[in-house]
Protein backbone atom coordinates (compact mmCIF):
# COMPACT_ATOMS: atom_id res chain seq x y z
CA UNK A 1 0.00 0.00 0.00
CA UNK A 2 1.40 3.38 -0.97
CA UNK A 3 1.04 5.93 1.78
CA UNK A 4 2.23 9.40 2.65
CA UNK A 5 4.69 8.39 5.33
CA UNK A 6 8.31 7.16 5.32
CA UNK A 7 7.78 3.62 6.66
CA UNK A 8 7.23 0.70 4.31
CA UNK A 9 4.09 -1.46 4.45
CA UNK A 10 6.10 -4.39 5.82
CA UNK A 11 7.71 -2.40 8.60
CA UNK A 12 4.37 -0.98 9.61
CA UNK A 13 2.67 -4.37 9.55
CA UNK A 14 5.31 -6.04 11.71
CA UNK A 15 6.03 -3.22 14.17
CA UNK A 16 4.79 -3.23 17.74
CA UNK A 17 1.11 -2.41 18.11
CA UNK A 18 1.88 -0.58 21.35
CA UNK A 19 2.65 2.55 19.32
CA UNK A 20 -0.33 4.22 17.67
CA UNK A 21 0.25 5.43 14.12
CA UNK A 22 -1.87 7.46 11.74
CA UNK A 23 -1.87 5.24 8.66
CA UNK A 24 -3.39 1.76 8.35
CA UNK A 25 -1.42 -1.44 7.99
CA UNK A 26 -1.36 -3.20 4.64
CA UNK A 27 -0.54 -6.81 3.87
CA UNK A 28 0.33 -8.35 0.51
CA UNK A 29 -0.70 -11.99 0.13
CA UNK A 30 1.52 -14.36 -1.82
CA UNK A 31 0.38 -15.94 -5.06
CA UNK A 32 -0.25 -19.16 -3.14
CA UNK A 33 -2.49 -17.36 -0.64
CA UNK A 34 -4.47 -15.77 -3.48
CA UNK A 35 -4.84 -19.09 -5.34
CA UNK A 36 -6.01 -20.83 -2.15
CA UNK A 37 -8.30 -17.98 -1.16
CA UNK A 38 -6.83 -18.05 2.33
CA UNK A 39 -4.27 -15.95 4.20
CA UNK A 40 -1.16 -17.52 5.69
CA UNK A 41 -1.43 -17.62 9.51
CA UNK A 42 1.15 -14.82 9.86
CA UNK A 43 -0.74 -12.48 7.53
CA UNK A 44 -4.00 -13.47 9.21
CA UNK A 45 -2.50 -12.54 12.57
CA UNK A 46 -1.44 -9.13 11.24
CA UNK A 47 -4.93 -8.53 9.83
CA UNK A 48 -6.63 -9.47 13.11
CA UNK A 49 -4.24 -7.35 15.18
CA UNK A 50 -4.79 -4.40 12.84
CA UNK A 51 -8.57 -4.71 13.08
CA UNK A 52 -8.35 -4.95 16.86
CA UNK A 53 -6.02 -1.96 17.36
CA UNK A 54 -6.86 0.26 14.38
CA UNK A 55 -10.29 -0.91 13.25
CA UNK A 56 -9.05 -1.19 9.65
CA UNK A 57 -6.61 -3.16 7.49
CA UNK A 58 -5.81 -3.17 3.76
CA UNK A 59 -5.15 -6.36 1.79
CA UNK A 60 -3.31 -5.47 -1.41
CA UNK A 61 -3.30 -7.02 -4.90
CA UNK A 62 -6.04 -9.61 -4.55
CA UNK A 63 -8.62 -8.65 -7.21
CA UNK A 64 -7.74 -8.92 -10.93
CA UNK A 65 -7.85 -5.52 -12.60
CA UNK A 66 -9.78 -6.67 -15.66
CA UNK A 67 -12.71 -7.69 -13.43
CA UNK A 68 -12.70 -4.27 -11.79
CA UNK A 69 -12.50 -2.46 -15.14
CA UNK A 70 -15.58 -4.19 -16.50
CA UNK A 71 -17.65 -3.48 -13.42
CA UNK A 72 -16.34 0.08 -13.23
CA UNK A 73 -17.49 0.85 -16.77
CA UNK A 74 -21.05 -0.21 -15.94
CA UNK A 75 -21.13 1.55 -12.57
CA UNK A 76 -19.86 4.84 -14.03
CA UNK A 77 -22.74 4.69 -16.53
CA UNK A 78 -25.15 4.03 -13.66
CA UNK A 79 -23.59 6.80 -11.56
CA UNK A 80 -24.46 9.44 -14.13
CA UNK A 81 -28.01 8.04 -14.32
CA UNK A 82 -28.35 8.49 -10.55
CA UNK A 83 -26.63 11.89 -10.51
CA UNK A 84 -29.10 13.21 -13.11
CA UNK A 85 -31.90 12.72 -10.57
CA UNK A 86 -30.44 15.68 -8.63
CA UNK A 87 -32.26 16.17 -5.32
CA UNK A 88 -33.88 12.73 -5.78
CA UNK A 89 -30.54 10.96 -6.16
CA UNK A 90 -29.38 8.60 -3.37
CA UNK A 91 -26.74 10.92 -1.96
CA UNK A 92 -25.24 10.74 1.51
CA UNK A 93 -24.71 14.15 3.16
CA UNK A 94 -23.89 15.98 -0.12
CA UNK A 95 -24.95 15.61 -3.79
CA UNK A 96 -21.52 14.53 -5.06
CA UNK A 97 -21.36 11.51 -2.75
CA UNK A 98 -23.76 8.85 -4.02
CA UNK A 99 -24.72 5.58 -2.45
CA UNK A 100 -24.78 3.28 -5.44
CA UNK A 101 -25.55 -0.43 -5.72
CA UNK A 102 -23.60 -2.63 -8.08
CA UNK A 103 -25.74 -4.38 -10.72
CA UNK A 104 -26.81 -7.61 -8.93
CA UNK A 105 -26.81 -9.89 -11.94
CA UNK A 106 -24.46 -12.64 -13.08
CA UNK A 107 -22.83 -10.82 -15.98
CA UNK A 108 -21.30 -8.30 -13.54
CA UNK A 109 -20.90 -10.55 -10.50
CA UNK A 110 -17.39 -11.89 -9.87
CA UNK A 111 -16.87 -13.90 -6.67
CA UNK A 112 -13.29 -12.58 -6.45
CA UNK A 113 -14.75 -9.09 -6.02
CA UNK A 114 -17.81 -9.75 -3.89
CA UNK A 115 -17.21 -12.96 -1.93
CA UNK A 116 -13.87 -12.60 -0.15
CA UNK A 117 -14.46 -13.29 3.55
CA UNK A 118 -14.84 -16.44 5.62
CA UNK A 119 -15.51 -18.58 7.51
CA UNK A 120 -19.29 -18.08 7.67
CA UNK A 121 -19.92 -14.42 8.43
CA UNK A 122 -23.41 -13.25 7.42
CA UNK A 123 -23.37 -11.04 4.32
CA UNK A 124 -26.52 -8.93 4.24
CA UNK A 125 -25.55 -5.55 2.70
CA UNK A 126 -24.11 -4.91 -0.76
CA UNK A 127 -23.83 -1.37 -2.10
CA UNK A 128 -21.16 1.23 -2.82
CA UNK A 129 -20.07 4.84 -2.49
CA UNK A 130 -19.37 6.94 -5.56
CA UNK A 131 -17.50 10.24 -5.49
CA UNK A 132 -18.57 12.27 -8.50
CA UNK A 133 -16.29 14.83 -10.20
CA UNK A 134 -16.86 18.43 -9.11
CA UNK A 135 -18.93 20.92 -11.08
CA UNK A 136 -19.37 24.68 -10.62
CA UNK A 137 -22.72 23.96 -8.97
CA UNK A 138 -21.34 21.13 -6.80
CA UNK A 139 -17.74 21.70 -5.69
CA UNK A 140 -15.94 18.90 -3.81
CA UNK A 141 -17.37 18.72 -0.30
CA UNK A 142 -16.52 16.22 2.41
CA UNK A 143 -19.02 14.38 4.54
CA UNK A 144 -19.07 15.12 8.26
CA UNK A 145 -17.04 12.62 10.24
CA UNK A 146 -19.47 9.92 11.33
CA UNK A 147 -19.94 6.33 12.42
CA UNK A 148 -22.16 3.86 10.59
CA UNK A 149 -23.05 2.36 13.98
CA UNK A 150 -25.58 5.09 14.79
CA UNK A 151 -27.56 2.89 17.21
CA UNK A 152 -27.04 1.12 20.51
CA UNK A 153 -24.52 -1.57 19.65
CA UNK A 154 -22.14 -4.04 21.29
CA UNK A 155 -18.85 -2.77 22.67
CA UNK A 156 -17.02 -5.61 20.92
CA UNK A 157 -16.64 -6.34 17.18
CA UNK A 158 -19.82 -7.48 15.43
CA UNK A 159 -19.62 -6.28 11.82
CA UNK A 160 -17.00 -5.62 9.16
CA UNK A 161 -17.37 -3.34 6.15
CA UNK A 162 -15.54 -4.65 3.08
CA UNK A 163 -14.59 -1.88 0.65
CA UNK A 164 -13.34 -2.65 -2.85
CA UNK A 165 -12.24 0.41 -4.86
CA UNK A 166 -12.67 -0.04 -8.59
CA UNK A 167 -9.73 2.30 -9.27
CA UNK A 168 -6.81 3.40 -7.11
CA UNK A 169 -8.12 5.68 -4.35
CA UNK A 170 -6.11 8.80 -3.54
CA UNK A 171 -6.71 11.94 -1.47
CA UNK A 172 -7.33 13.73 -4.77
CA UNK A 173 -10.17 11.48 -5.96
CA UNK A 174 -11.80 11.05 -2.56
CA UNK A 175 -10.05 8.35 -0.58
CA UNK A 176 -12.03 7.86 2.63
CA UNK A 177 -10.78 9.79 5.65
CA UNK A 178 -10.38 7.31 8.51
CA UNK A 179 -9.86 7.85 12.24
CA UNK A 180 -7.95 4.78 13.33
CA UNK A 181 -8.70 3.38 16.75
CA UNK A 182 -12.07 5.12 17.17
CA UNK A 183 -13.94 1.82 16.86
CA UNK A 184 -13.02 1.34 20.52
CA UNK A 185 -15.00 4.44 21.49
CA UNK A 186 -18.41 2.78 21.39
CA UNK A 187 -20.38 5.45 23.27
CA UNK A 188 -23.05 6.77 20.90
CA UNK A 189 -23.27 9.94 23.02
CA UNK A 190 -20.29 11.25 21.01
CA UNK A 191 -22.68 11.34 18.01
CA UNK A 192 -25.20 13.91 16.86
CA UNK A 193 -28.46 13.08 15.12
CA UNK A 194 -30.62 10.01 15.42
CA UNK A 195 -30.88 6.90 13.29
CA UNK A 196 -33.24 7.60 10.41
CA UNK A 197 -32.03 11.16 9.84
CA UNK A 198 -30.10 11.74 6.62
CA UNK A 199 -27.03 12.88 8.56
CA UNK A 200 -27.15 10.75 11.68
CA UNK A 201 -24.02 9.33 13.28
CA UNK A 202 -22.09 12.62 13.05
CA UNK A 203 -19.33 12.93 15.63
CA UNK A 204 -19.52 16.01 17.83
CA UNK A 205 -16.93 18.67 17.06
CA UNK A 206 -15.44 18.67 20.54
CA UNK A 207 -14.96 14.92 20.31
CA UNK A 208 -13.16 15.30 16.99
CA UNK A 209 -10.77 17.87 18.46
CA UNK A 210 -10.12 15.66 21.45
CA UNK A 211 -9.38 12.68 19.23
CA UNK A 212 -7.27 14.70 16.77
CA UNK A 213 -4.83 15.53 19.55
CA UNK A 214 -4.47 11.81 20.33
CA UNK A 215 -4.33 10.33 16.85
CA UNK A 216 -5.10 12.44 13.77
CA UNK A 217 -7.09 11.10 10.79
CA UNK A 218 -5.57 10.08 7.47
CA UNK A 219 -6.50 9.61 3.82
CA UNK A 220 -4.56 6.56 2.66
CA UNK A 221 -3.77 5.74 -0.95
CA UNK A 222 -5.42 2.37 -1.67
CA UNK A 223 -4.10 0.66 -4.82
CA UNK A 224 -6.46 -0.81 -7.38
CA UNK A 225 -7.00 -4.50 -6.71
CA UNK A 226 -7.00 -4.05 -2.93
CA UNK A 227 -9.63 -4.85 -0.33
CA UNK A 228 -10.19 -2.68 2.75
CA UNK A 229 -11.67 -4.25 5.89
CA UNK A 230 -13.16 -1.77 8.38
CA UNK A 231 -14.90 -2.19 11.71
CA UNK A 232 -18.44 -0.82 11.26
CA UNK A 233 -17.97 1.38 14.34
CA UNK A 234 -14.91 3.27 13.03
CA UNK A 235 -15.22 7.03 12.54
CA UNK A 236 -14.75 8.04 8.91
CA UNK A 237 -15.81 10.56 6.26
CA UNK A 238 -16.26 10.48 2.50
CA UNK A 239 -14.05 13.17 0.97
CA UNK A 240 -14.85 15.24 -2.11
CA UNK A 241 -13.46 14.16 -5.48
CA UNK A 242 -11.20 16.84 -7.00
CA UNK A 243 -10.51 14.99 -10.26
CA UNK A 244 -12.38 14.55 -13.53
CA UNK A 245 -12.86 10.79 -13.04
CA UNK A 246 -15.74 9.09 -11.24
CA UNK A 247 -14.42 7.10 -8.24
CA UNK A 248 -16.50 4.05 -7.31
CA UNK A 249 -15.89 2.06 -4.11
CA UNK A 250 -17.97 -1.02 -3.32
CA UNK A 251 -19.21 -1.40 0.25
CA UNK A 252 -20.37 -4.72 1.70
CA UNK A 253 -21.21 -5.49 5.32
CA UNK A 254 -20.59 -8.86 6.96
CA UNK A 255 -22.08 -9.51 10.41
CA UNK A 256 -20.95 -12.06 12.98
CA UNK A 257 -23.13 -15.22 12.82
CA UNK A 258 -24.47 -14.57 16.33
CA UNK A 259 -25.55 -10.98 15.51
CA UNK A 260 -29.32 -10.89 14.95
CA UNK A 261 -29.67 -8.53 12.02
CA UNK A 262 -32.42 -9.62 9.64
CA UNK A 263 -31.52 -7.71 6.48
CA UNK A 264 -31.45 -9.69 3.25
CA UNK A 265 -29.85 -9.17 -0.15
CA UNK A 266 -31.77 -9.14 -3.42
CA UNK A 267 -29.97 -10.76 -6.34
CA UNK A 268 -30.90 -11.82 -9.84
CA UNK A 269 -31.84 -15.50 -10.02
CA UNK A 270 -29.14 -16.12 -12.64
CA UNK A 271 -26.61 -15.77 -9.78
CA UNK A 272 -28.21 -18.51 -7.70
CA UNK A 273 -25.82 -21.35 -8.50
CA UNK A 274 -22.74 -19.21 -7.80
CA UNK A 275 -24.05 -17.76 -4.54
CA UNK A 276 -25.48 -20.99 -3.15
CA UNK A 277 -22.26 -22.88 -3.85
CA UNK A 278 -20.27 -20.48 -1.64
CA UNK A 279 -19.56 -22.29 1.63
CA UNK A 280 -17.54 -19.57 3.41
CA UNK A 281 -20.44 -17.14 3.77
CA UNK A 282 -23.98 -17.15 5.05
CA UNK A 283 -25.94 -15.18 2.43
CA UNK A 284 -29.65 -14.50 3.06
CA UNK A 285 -31.05 -13.71 -0.40
CA UNK A 286 -34.39 -12.90 -1.98
CA UNK A 287 -34.19 -13.99 -5.61
CA UNK A 288 -35.79 -11.97 -8.38
CA UNK A 289 -36.02 -12.09 -12.16
CA UNK A 290 -33.49 -10.21 -14.26
CA UNK A 291 -36.23 -7.88 -15.47
CA UNK A 292 -37.27 -7.07 -11.91
CA UNK A 293 -33.73 -6.54 -10.69
CA UNK A 294 -32.79 -4.38 -13.68
CA UNK A 295 -35.75 -2.08 -12.99
CA UNK A 296 -35.19 -1.82 -9.24
CA UNK A 297 -31.51 -1.87 -8.27
CA UNK A 298 -30.91 1.84 -8.98
CA UNK A 299 -33.98 2.82 -6.96
CA UNK A 300 -33.32 0.96 -3.73
CA UNK A 301 -33.21 2.38 -0.23
CA UNK A 302 -30.05 4.19 0.78
CA UNK A 303 -28.35 5.74 3.78
CA UNK A 304 -30.26 5.44 7.04
CA UNK A 305 -33.14 3.56 5.42
CA UNK A 306 -31.01 0.53 6.30
CA UNK A 307 -31.03 -0.61 9.91
CA UNK A 308 -27.83 -2.36 10.99
CA UNK A 309 -29.05 -2.96 14.54
CA UNK A 310 -30.04 -6.35 15.92
CA UNK A 311 -33.49 -7.13 14.58
CA UNK A 312 -33.17 -4.37 11.97
CA UNK A 313 -34.49 -4.73 8.46
């Protein structure tokens, strides 16, 4: 992982976790690990330690670029369709930051992009975040720093967000600002707004200043082909895109098997054999025809219409 700091990814990944640092750890699996679809125990240990201490880890060079390119072409086309809806577009906090679902049909569904975790977490959310290029009417604006866990939740890990950027993410094109270690601050009283509001989960300004003095945020460069794993509770913010290129980042949520969230995915029935053959994930799915899915997937709920709490739909 390229990052704006002098240390190399290896030295950061193997250093003592007693010292807090501003940038996330990155690991690079070997060809054997990629072929087997499983991390070596040492890399797995680094990933688990990073998630425990930082709330985030990057796994580099695991998704073939040609798969990403094909999906990116379709999702850029869809992004402009959504953006043209203006105030009716599914934006989060500001018009240039869209919540956008990937097309849930077999011709765009690659298991190496979408089905990467195991063993047996419950995958119930599949969407994405798209940073649109700026215009005179909509300059690049960042989201407020917030947590996706805007509800009473456990004080221990219960959900991971898997982000897959379809191109290299940089500070210039809107790489997510992350506040490492804040997943351990589970008190929702540091938040403003209530679940269901368009801008709920915002972190209070005084809490941001307090945290900044302890461990400032960062905007890491995430190379194309990488996967980012983030604790759902971690403070973060989508940052405005200052380039001319649309930047799409997939976002999937995997819950612990014991966590009682009742959300379900909706996929096209032509994906059924691929999805049901996957043994490493629990995937609650409502199947639909290709015609139905094609008409609906760009008009789904977004933002706080989803309830990530236990029992939430």
